[in-house]
Amino acid sequence: MTSSEYAGFRTRPEHRWPVLICLALGALLYALLPSDVAGELRYIVIGASLLCSIAMVIAHPTRYDHDSRIGRAFALAFVSILLVANQVAFVLLVRQLLDGQGSGAVTLLGAAQVWAINVIGYGAVYWEMDRGGPVARRRDPRDTMQPADFQFPQDSDGDAVSEVKRRSSNTTDWTPGYIDYLYFSASNAMAFSPTDVMPLSVRAKLFMMVQAISGFLLLALVIARSVNILG
């Protein structure tokens, strides 16, 4: 990044594609859910996802290099619609798993899709929430940035051995991007607890708790249904 390019930014602004591709994948997974789980709601999700994607591309054609209330509003709308619709599918899947309804293979595949959508959606929530969002994280000086919701390993590696220290926030001015939050979301969904990233704020802990509880319930019921099918 040259001195004149992206003036006012501490580090190179984050690219738009990772989060947009992942959210589009989440919408596709939702569209492919079994009919008795997604129902007519799938058409609302698909239509809203297309509309929000277009708005996000218009607001940030390449990188998150400027503030856009409209762009961020559509991004939050995309994530909110996807997660709310997915929670409806989650409830219907839990009912099917408890009652032993539906085809075993189809229901289990649907459960995997719901789990994956949760990982993608919550990753976007953490990405939008932490330190003021993707634009502020790369632009604002650290002493004026909004308080962090999460602490990544790079944030505390400043006094580590030299080969680790070279990747720390203090040395490279490292800032997390969507893939970092996606990985964190996946690890929280699998471990049902923090792994290498620590929540710092109450809202971060609440979101993580809801994600972990829903993932645990889904996994427990899937295992029980699988044992029943195999038995």
C-alpha atoms as a PDB file:
ATOM      1  CA  MET A   1       0.000   0.000   0.000  1.00  0.00           C
ATOM      2  CA  THR A   2       1.520   3.321  -1.060  1.00  0.00           C
ATOM      3  CA  SER A   3       1.396   6.442   1.068  1.00  0.00           C
ATOM      4  CA  SER A   4      -1.196   8.050  -1.224  1.00  0.00           C
ATOM      5  CA  GLU A   5      -3.316   4.928  -1.627  1.00  0.00           C
ATOM      6  CA  TYR A   6      -6.105   4.512   0.939  1.00  0.00           C
ATOM      7  CA  ALA A   7      -5.146   7.720   2.703  1.00  0.00           C
ATOM      8  CA  GLY A   8      -6.094   7.745   6.357  1.00  0.00           C
ATOM      9  CA  PHE A   9      -5.868   3.963   6.769  1.00  0.00           C
ATOM     10  CA  ARG A  10      -3.303   2.341   9.038  1.00  0.00           C
ATOM     11  CA  THR A  11      -3.232  -0.872   6.995  1.00  0.00           C
ATOM     12  CA  ARG A  12      -4.612  -2.029   3.653  1.00  0.00           C
ATOM     13  CA  PRO A  13      -8.448  -2.101   3.781  1.00  0.00           C
ATOM     14  CA  GLU A  14     -10.065  -5.514   3.868  1.00  0.00           C
ATOM     15  CA  HIS A  15     -11.303  -7.012   0.604  1.00  0.00           C
ATOM     16  CA  ARG A  16     -15.034  -7.394   0.116  1.00  0.00           C
ATOM     17  CA  TRP A  17     -15.048 -10.883  -1.436  1.00  0.00           C
ATOM     18  CA  PRO A  18     -14.377 -13.228   1.521  1.00  0.00           C
ATOM     19  CA  VAL A  19     -17.440 -12.190   3.522  1.00  0.00           C
ATOM     20  CA  LEU A  20     -19.673 -11.853   0.457  1.00  0.00           C
ATOM     21  CA  ILE A  21     -18.740 -15.288  -0.895  1.00  0.00           C
ATOM     22  CA  CYS A  22     -19.284 -16.917   2.494  1.00  0.00           C
ATOM     23  CA  LEU A  23     -22.659 -15.231   3.008  1.00  0.00           C
ATOM     24  CA  ALA A  24     -23.708 -16.269  -0.507  1.00  0.00           C
ATOM     25  CA  LEU A  25     -22.674 -19.836   0.353  1.00  0.00           C
ATOM     26  CA  GLY A  26     -24.779 -19.624   3.516  1.00  0.00           C
ATOM     27  CA  ALA A  27     -27.794 -18.461   1.499  1.00  0.00           C
ATOM     28  CA  LEU A  28     -27.252 -21.301  -0.984  1.00  0.00           C
ATOM     29  CA  LEU A  29     -27.060 -23.861   1.822  1.00  0.00           C
ATOM     30  CA  TYR A  30     -30.316 -22.490   3.198  1.00  0.00           C
ATOM     31  CA  ALA A  31     -31.962 -22.673  -0.235  1.00  0.00           C
ATOM     32  CA  LEU A  32     -30.981 -26.346  -0.440  1.00  0.00           C
ATOM     33  CA  LEU A  33     -32.479 -27.267   2.944  1.00  0.00           C
ATOM     34  CA  PRO A  34     -35.287 -29.876   2.897  1.00  0.00           C
ATOM     35  CA  SER A  35     -38.676 -28.413   1.991  1.00  0.00           C
ATOM     36  CA  ASP A  36     -40.230 -29.347   5.332  1.00  0.00           C
ATOM     37  CA  VAL A  37     -37.530 -27.311   7.080  1.00  0.00           C
ATOM     38  CA  ALA A  38     -37.093 -24.231   4.883  1.00  0.00           C
ATOM     39  CA  GLY A  39     -40.537 -24.123   3.240  1.00  0.00           C
ATOM     40  CA  GLU A  40     -41.617 -20.887   1.570  1.00  0.00           C
ATOM     41  CA  LEU A  41     -39.153 -18.956   3.707  1.00  0.00           C
ATOM     42  CA  ARG A  42     -36.371 -20.030   1.346  1.00  0.00           C
ATOM     43  CA  TYR A  43     -37.672 -17.662  -1.348  1.00  0.00           C
ATOM     44  CA  ILE A  44     -37.596 -14.710   1.043  1.00  0.00           C
ATOM     45  CA  VAL A  45     -34.031 -15.563   2.029  1.00  0.00           C
ATOM     46  CA  ILE A  46     -32.901 -15.925  -1.596  1.00  0.00           C
ATOM     47  CA  GLY A  47     -34.554 -12.667  -2.686  1.00  0.00           C
ATOM     48  CA  ALA A  48     -33.268 -10.695   0.295  1.00  0.00           C
ATOM     49  CA  SER A  49     -29.772 -12.162  -0.138  1.00  0.00           C
ATOM     50  CA  LEU A  50     -29.611 -11.085  -3.781  1.00  0.00           C
ATOM     51  CA  LEU A  51     -30.822  -7.580  -2.943  1.00  0.00           C
ATOM     52  CA  CYS A  52     -28.384  -7.178  -0.062  1.00  0.00           C
ATOM     53  CA  SER A  53     -25.475  -8.581  -2.097  1.00  0.00           C
ATOM     54  CA  ILE A  54     -26.052  -6.051  -4.869  1.00  0.00           C
ATOM     55  CA  ALA A  55     -26.174  -3.219  -2.333  1.00  0.00           C
ATOM     56  CA  MET A  56     -22.981  -4.439  -0.661  1.00  0.00           C
ATOM     57  CA  VAL A  57     -21.141  -4.559  -3.993  1.00  0.00           C
ATOM     58  CA  ILE A  58     -22.314  -1.054  -4.918  1.00  0.00           C
ATOM     59  CA  ALA A  59     -21.289   0.335  -1.523  1.00  0.00           C
ATOM     60  CA  HIS A  60     -17.866  -1.359  -1.566  1.00  0.00           C
ATOM     61  CA  PRO A  61     -16.892  -2.416  -5.110  1.00  0.00           C
ATOM     62  CA  THR A  62     -13.488  -3.794  -4.113  1.00  0.00           C
ATOM     63  CA  ARG A  63     -12.445  -3.070  -0.538  1.00  0.00           C
ATOM     64  CA  TYR A  64     -13.885  -1.674   2.686  1.00  0.00           C
ATOM     65  CA  ASP A  65     -12.089   1.610   2.162  1.00  0.00           C
ATOM     66  CA  HIS A  66     -14.769   4.055   3.315  1.00  0.00           C
ATOM     67  CA  ASP A  67     -17.728   4.265   5.667  1.00  0.00           C
ATOM     68  CA  SER A  68     -21.107   3.468   4.109  1.00  0.00           C
ATOM     69  CA  ARG A  69     -24.162   3.393   6.332  1.00  0.00           C
ATOM     70  CA  ILE A  70     -26.238   1.929   3.521  1.00  0.00           C
ATOM     71  CA  GLY A  71     -23.678  -0.757   2.766  1.00  0.00           C
ATOM     72  CA  ARG A  72     -23.337  -1.732   6.409  1.00  0.00           C
ATOM     73  CA  ALA A  73     -27.121  -1.681   6.887  1.00  0.00           C
ATOM     74  CA  PHE A  74     -27.574  -4.125   4.004  1.00  0.00           C
ATOM     75  CA  ALA A  75     -24.737  -6.325   5.295  1.00  0.00           C
ATOM     76  CA  LEU A  76     -26.372  -6.475   8.727  1.00  0.00           C
ATOM     77  CA  ALA A  77     -29.741  -7.140   7.082  1.00  0.00           C
ATOM     78  CA  PHE A  78     -28.227 -10.016   5.069  1.00  0.00           C
ATOM     79  CA  VAL A  79     -26.723 -11.590   8.184  1.00  0.00           C
ATOM     80  CA  SER A  80     -29.847 -11.017  10.293  1.00  0.00           C
ATOM     81  CA  ILE A  81     -32.232 -12.532   7.736  1.00  0.00           C
ATOM     82  CA  LEU A  82     -29.970 -15.521   7.209  1.00  0.00           C
ATOM     83  CA  LEU A  83     -29.514 -16.205  10.927  1.00  0.00           C
ATOM     84  CA  VAL A  84     -33.174 -15.666  11.859  1.00  0.00           C
ATOM     85  CA  ALA A  85     -34.352 -17.950   9.047  1.00  0.00           C
ATOM     86  CA  ASN A  86     -31.740 -20.486  10.080  1.00  0.00           C
ATOM     87  CA  GLN A  87     -32.991 -20.448  13.677  1.00  0.00           C
ATOM     88  CA  VAL A  88     -36.472 -21.268  12.368  1.00  0.00           C
ATOM     89  CA  ALA A  89     -34.955 -24.182  10.446  1.00  0.00           C
ATOM     90  CA  PHE A  90     -33.054 -25.168  13.598  1.00  0.00           C
ATOM     91  CA  VAL A  91     -36.276 -25.372  15.631  1.00  0.00           C
ATOM     92  CA  LEU A  92     -38.005 -27.449  12.939  1.00  0.00           C
ATOM     93  CA  LEU A  93     -35.011 -29.766  12.675  1.00  0.00           C
ATOM     94  CA  VAL A  94     -34.893 -30.243  16.442  1.00  0.00           C
ATOM     95  CA  ARG A  95     -38.583 -31.174  16.368  1.00  0.00           C
ATOM     96  CA  GLN A  96     -37.935 -33.694  13.596  1.00  0.00           C
ATOM     97  CA  LEU A  97     -34.978 -35.191  15.425  1.00  0.00           C
ATOM     98  CA  LEU A  98     -36.939 -35.486  18.673  1.00  0.00           C
ATOM     99  CA  ASP A  99     -39.972 -37.035  16.980  1.00  0.00           C
ATOM    100  CA  GLY A 100     -37.959 -39.262  14.645  1.00  0.00           C
ATOM    101  CA  GLN A 101     -39.720 -37.797  11.608  1.00  0.00           C
ATOM    102  CA  GLY A 102     -38.447 -37.481   8.071  1.00  0.00           C
ATOM    103  CA  SER A 103     -35.815 -39.429   6.184  1.00  0.00           C
ATOM    104  CA  GLY A 104     -32.803 -40.085   8.371  1.00  0.00           C
ATOM    105  CA  ALA A 105     -30.168 -39.155   5.778  1.00  0.00           C
ATOM    106  CA  VAL A 106     -32.016 -36.032   4.637  1.00  0.00           C
ATOM    107  CA  THR A 107     -32.569 -34.845   8.203  1.00  0.00           C
ATOM    108  CA  LEU A 108     -28.927 -35.378   9.149  1.00  0.00           C
ATOM    109  CA  LEU A 109     -27.745 -33.550   6.029  1.00  0.00           C
ATOM    110  CA  GLY A 110     -30.114 -30.696   6.881  1.00  0.00           C
ATOM    111  CA  ALA A 111     -28.636 -30.537  10.374  1.00  0.00           C
ATOM    112  CA  ALA A 112     -25.139 -30.219   8.882  1.00  0.00           C
ATOM    113  CA  GLN A 113     -26.356 -27.394   6.638  1.00  0.00           C
ATOM    114  CA  VAL A 114     -27.943 -25.530   9.561  1.00  0.00           C
ATOM    115  CA  TRP A 115     -24.716 -25.896  11.543  1.00  0.00           C
ATOM    116  CA  ALA A 116     -22.618 -24.556   8.649  1.00  0.00           C
ATOM    117  CA  ILE A 117     -24.954 -21.589   8.126  1.00  0.00           C
ATOM    118  CA  ASN A 118     -24.646 -20.739  11.816  1.00  0.00           C
ATOM    119  CA  VAL A 119     -20.855 -20.753  11.529  1.00  0.00           C
ATOM    120  CA  ILE A 120     -20.943 -18.419   8.520  1.00  0.00           C
ATOM    121  CA  GLY A 121     -23.573 -16.116  10.002  1.00  0.00           C
ATOM    122  CA  TYR A 122     -22.065 -15.770  13.465  1.00  0.00           C
ATOM    123  CA  GLY A 123     -18.654 -15.216  11.891  1.00  0.00           C
ATOM    124  CA  ALA A 124     -20.156 -12.215  10.076  1.00  0.00           C
ATOM    125  CA  VAL A 125     -21.745 -10.969  13.305  1.00  0.00           C
ATOM    126  CA  TYR A 126     -18.388 -11.051  15.101  1.00  0.00           C
ATOM    127  CA  TRP A 127     -16.723  -9.419  12.079  1.00  0.00           C
ATOM    128  CA  GLU A 128     -19.213  -6.527  12.030  1.00  0.00           C
ATOM    129  CA  MET A 129     -19.220  -6.104  15.813  1.00  0.00           C
ATOM    130  CA  ASP A 130     -15.576  -6.151  16.873  1.00  0.00           C
ATOM    131  CA  ARG A 131     -13.701  -2.824  17.241  1.00  0.00           C
ATOM    132  CA  GLY A 132     -16.229  -0.808  15.239  1.00  0.00           C
ATOM    133  CA  GLY A 133     -16.390  -3.008  12.150  1.00  0.00           C
ATOM    134  CA  PRO A 134     -14.174  -3.775   9.139  1.00  0.00           C
ATOM    135  CA  VAL A 135     -13.547  -0.157   8.101  1.00  0.00           C
ATOM    136  CA  ALA A 136     -12.727   1.207  11.563  1.00  0.00           C
ATOM    137  CA  ARG A 137     -10.413  -1.708  12.387  1.00  0.00           C
ATOM    138  CA  ARG A 138      -8.082  -0.888   9.486  1.00  0.00           C
ATOM    139  CA  ARG A 139      -8.465   2.902   9.560  1.00  0.00           C
ATOM    140  CA  ASP A 140      -8.690   4.268  13.102  1.00  0.00           C
ATOM    141  CA  PRO A 141      -5.613   4.716  15.300  1.00  0.00           C
ATOM    142  CA  ARG A 142      -5.550   2.031  17.969  1.00  0.00           C
ATOM    143  CA  ASP A 143      -5.846   4.496  20.844  1.00  0.00           C
ATOM    144  CA  THR A 144      -9.096   5.929  19.385  1.00  0.00           C
ATOM    145  CA  MET A 145     -10.588   2.673  18.094  1.00  0.00           C
ATOM    146  CA  GLN A 146     -13.696   1.289  19.784  1.00  0.00           C
ATOM    147  CA  PRO A 147     -12.938  -1.215  22.574  1.00  0.00           C
ATOM    148  CA  ALA A 148     -12.265  -4.740  21.332  1.00  0.00           C
ATOM    149  CA  ASP A 149     -14.905  -7.429  21.758  1.00  0.00           C
ATOM    150  CA  PHE A 150     -12.361 -10.207  21.132  1.00  0.00           C
ATOM    151  CA  GLN A 151      -8.680 -10.741  21.859  1.00  0.00           C
ATOM    152  CA  PHE A 152      -6.797 -12.699  19.198  1.00  0.00           C
ATOM    153  CA  PRO A 153      -3.434 -14.435  19.812  1.00  0.00           C
ATOM    154  CA  GLN A 154      -1.655 -11.794  17.695  1.00  0.00           C
ATOM    155  CA  ASP A 155      -2.863  -9.128  20.152  1.00  0.00           C
ATOM    156  CA  SER A 156      -0.782 -10.616  22.968  1.00  0.00           C
ATOM    157  CA  ASP A 157       2.261 -11.954  21.087  1.00  0.00           C
ATOM    158  CA  GLY A 158       4.298  -8.752  21.318  1.00  0.00           C
ATOM    159  CA  ASP A 159       6.718 -10.250  23.839  1.00  0.00           C
ATOM    160  CA  ALA A 160       6.937 -13.725  22.278  1.00  0.00           C
ATOM    161  CA  VAL A 161       9.964 -15.236  20.557  1.00  0.00           C
ATOM    162  CA  SER A 162      11.102 -13.326  17.469  1.00  0.00           C
ATOM    163  CA  GLU A 163       9.526 -15.599  14.825  1.00  0.00           C
ATOM    164  CA  VAL A 164       6.152 -15.321  16.592  1.00  0.00           C
ATOM    165  CA  LYS A 165       6.535 -11.670  17.496  1.00  0.00           C
ATOM    166  CA  ARG A 166       6.937 -10.778  13.809  1.00  0.00           C
ATOM    167  CA  ARG A 167       3.256 -11.617  13.279  1.00  0.00           C
ATOM    168  CA  SER A 168       1.989  -9.761  16.345  1.00  0.00           C
ATOM    169  CA  SER A 169      -0.283  -6.719  16.281  1.00  0.00           C
ATOM    170  CA  ASN A 170       2.435  -4.571  17.834  1.00  0.00           C
ATOM    171  CA  THR A 171       4.977  -5.434  15.148  1.00  0.00           C
ATOM    172  CA  THR A 172       2.919  -5.584  11.938  1.00  0.00           C
ATOM    173  CA  ASP A 173      -0.165  -3.598  13.017  1.00  0.00           C
ATOM    174  CA  TRP A 174      -2.095  -6.812  12.344  1.00  0.00           C
ATOM    175  CA  THR A 175      -5.894  -6.583  12.353  1.00  0.00           C
ATOM    176  CA  PRO A 176      -8.349  -9.499  12.076  1.00  0.00           C
ATOM    177  CA  GLY A 177     -10.354 -10.017   8.879  1.00  0.00           C
ATOM    178  CA  TYR A 178     -13.468 -12.030   8.111  1.00  0.00           C
ATOM    179  CA  ILE A 179     -11.588 -15.330   7.723  1.00  0.00           C
ATOM    180  CA  ASP A 180     -10.202 -14.895  11.253  1.00  0.00           C
ATOM    181  CA  TYR A 181     -13.733 -14.446  12.614  1.00  0.00           C
ATOM    182  CA  LEU A 182     -15.012 -17.351  10.494  1.00  0.00           C
ATOM    183  CA  TYR A 183     -12.338 -19.641  11.962  1.00  0.00           C
ATOM    184  CA  PHE A 184     -13.181 -18.412  15.449  1.00  0.00           C
ATOM    185  CA  SER A 185     -16.905 -19.017  14.813  1.00  0.00           C
ATOM    186  CA  ALA A 186     -16.197 -22.569  13.615  1.00  0.00           C
ATOM    187  CA  SER A 187     -13.998 -23.360  16.608  1.00  0.00           C
ATOM    188  CA  ASN A 188     -16.643 -22.007  19.001  1.00  0.00           C
ATOM    189  CA  ALA A 189     -19.303 -24.124  17.278  1.00  0.00           C
ATOM    190  CA  MET A 190     -17.164 -27.265  17.562  1.00  0.00           C
ATOM    191  CA  ALA A 191     -15.590 -26.775  20.981  1.00  0.00           C
ATOM    192  CA  PHE A 192     -18.626 -25.027  22.565  1.00  0.00           C
ATOM    193  CA  SER A 193     -16.167 -22.663  24.243  1.00  0.00           C
ATOM    194  CA  PRO A 194     -13.403 -20.173  23.402  1.00  0.00           C
ATOM    195  CA  THR A 195     -10.225 -21.692  21.997  1.00  0.00           C
ATOM    196  CA  ASP A 196      -7.470 -19.245  21.047  1.00  0.00           C
ATOM    197  CA  VAL A 197      -9.721 -16.156  20.823  1.00  0.00           C
ATOM    198  CA  MET A 198     -11.113 -14.708  24.046  1.00  0.00           C
ATOM    199  CA  PRO A 199     -14.392 -12.764  24.343  1.00  0.00           C
ATOM    200  CA  LEU A 200     -13.988  -9.478  26.196  1.00  0.00           C
ATOM    201  CA  SER A 201     -17.425  -7.831  26.119  1.00  0.00           C
ATOM    202  CA  VAL A 202     -20.787  -8.957  27.460  1.00  0.00           C
ATOM    203  CA  ARG A 203     -22.384  -8.900  24.018  1.00  0.00           C
ATOM    204  CA  ALA A 204     -19.589 -11.069  22.610  1.00  0.00           C
ATOM    205  CA  LYS A 205     -20.102 -13.616  25.379  1.00  0.00           C
ATOM    206  CA  LEU A 206     -23.872 -13.649  24.820  1.00  0.00           C
ATOM    207  CA  PHE A 207     -23.541 -14.256  21.078  1.00  0.00           C
ATOM    208  CA  MET A 208     -20.984 -16.993  21.691  1.00  0.00           C
ATOM    209  CA  MET A 209     -23.222 -18.615  24.307  1.00  0.00           C
ATOM    210  CA  VAL A 210     -26.226 -18.722  21.985  1.00  0.00           C
ATOM    211  CA  GLN A 211     -24.126 -20.137  19.158  1.00  0.00           C
ATOM    212  CA  ALA A 212     -22.528 -22.770  21.383  1.00  0.00           C
ATOM    213  CA  ILE A 213     -25.843 -23.882  22.929  1.00  0.00           C
ATOM    214  CA  SER A 214     -27.558 -24.266  19.560  1.00  0.00           C
ATOM    215  CA  GLY A 215     -24.566 -26.168  18.186  1.00  0.00           C
ATOM    216  CA  PHE A 216     -24.467 -28.462  21.202  1.00  0.00           C
ATOM    217  CA  LEU A 217     -28.182 -29.240  21.007  1.00  0.00           C
ATOM    218  CA  LEU A 218     -27.969 -29.961  17.304  1.00  0.00           C
ATOM    219  CA  LEU A 219     -24.938 -32.213  17.692  1.00  0.00           C
ATOM    220  CA  ALA A 220     -26.442 -34.134  20.613  1.00  0.00           C
ATOM    221  CA  LEU A 221     -29.683 -34.782  18.739  1.00  0.00           C
ATOM    222  CA  VAL A 222     -27.840 -35.721  15.534  1.00  0.00           C
ATOM    223  CA  ILE A 223     -25.732 -38.262  17.435  1.00  0.00           C
ATOM    224  CA  ALA A 224     -28.854 -39.690  19.090  1.00  0.00           C
ATOM    225  CA  ARG A 225     -30.662 -39.947  15.733  1.00  0.00           C
ATOM    226  CA  SER A 226     -27.614 -41.516  14.092  1.00  0.00           C
ATOM    227  CA  VAL A 227     -27.389 -44.156  16.814  1.00  0.00           C
ATOM    228  CA  ASN A 228     -31.094 -44.852  16.397  1.00  0.00           C
ATOM    229  CA  ILE A 229     -30.722 -45.232  12.624  1.00  0.00           C
ATOM    230  CA  LEU A 230     -27.673 -47.478  12.904  1.00  0.00           C
ATOM    231  CA  GLY A 231     -29.309 -49.480  15.666  1.00  0.00           C
END
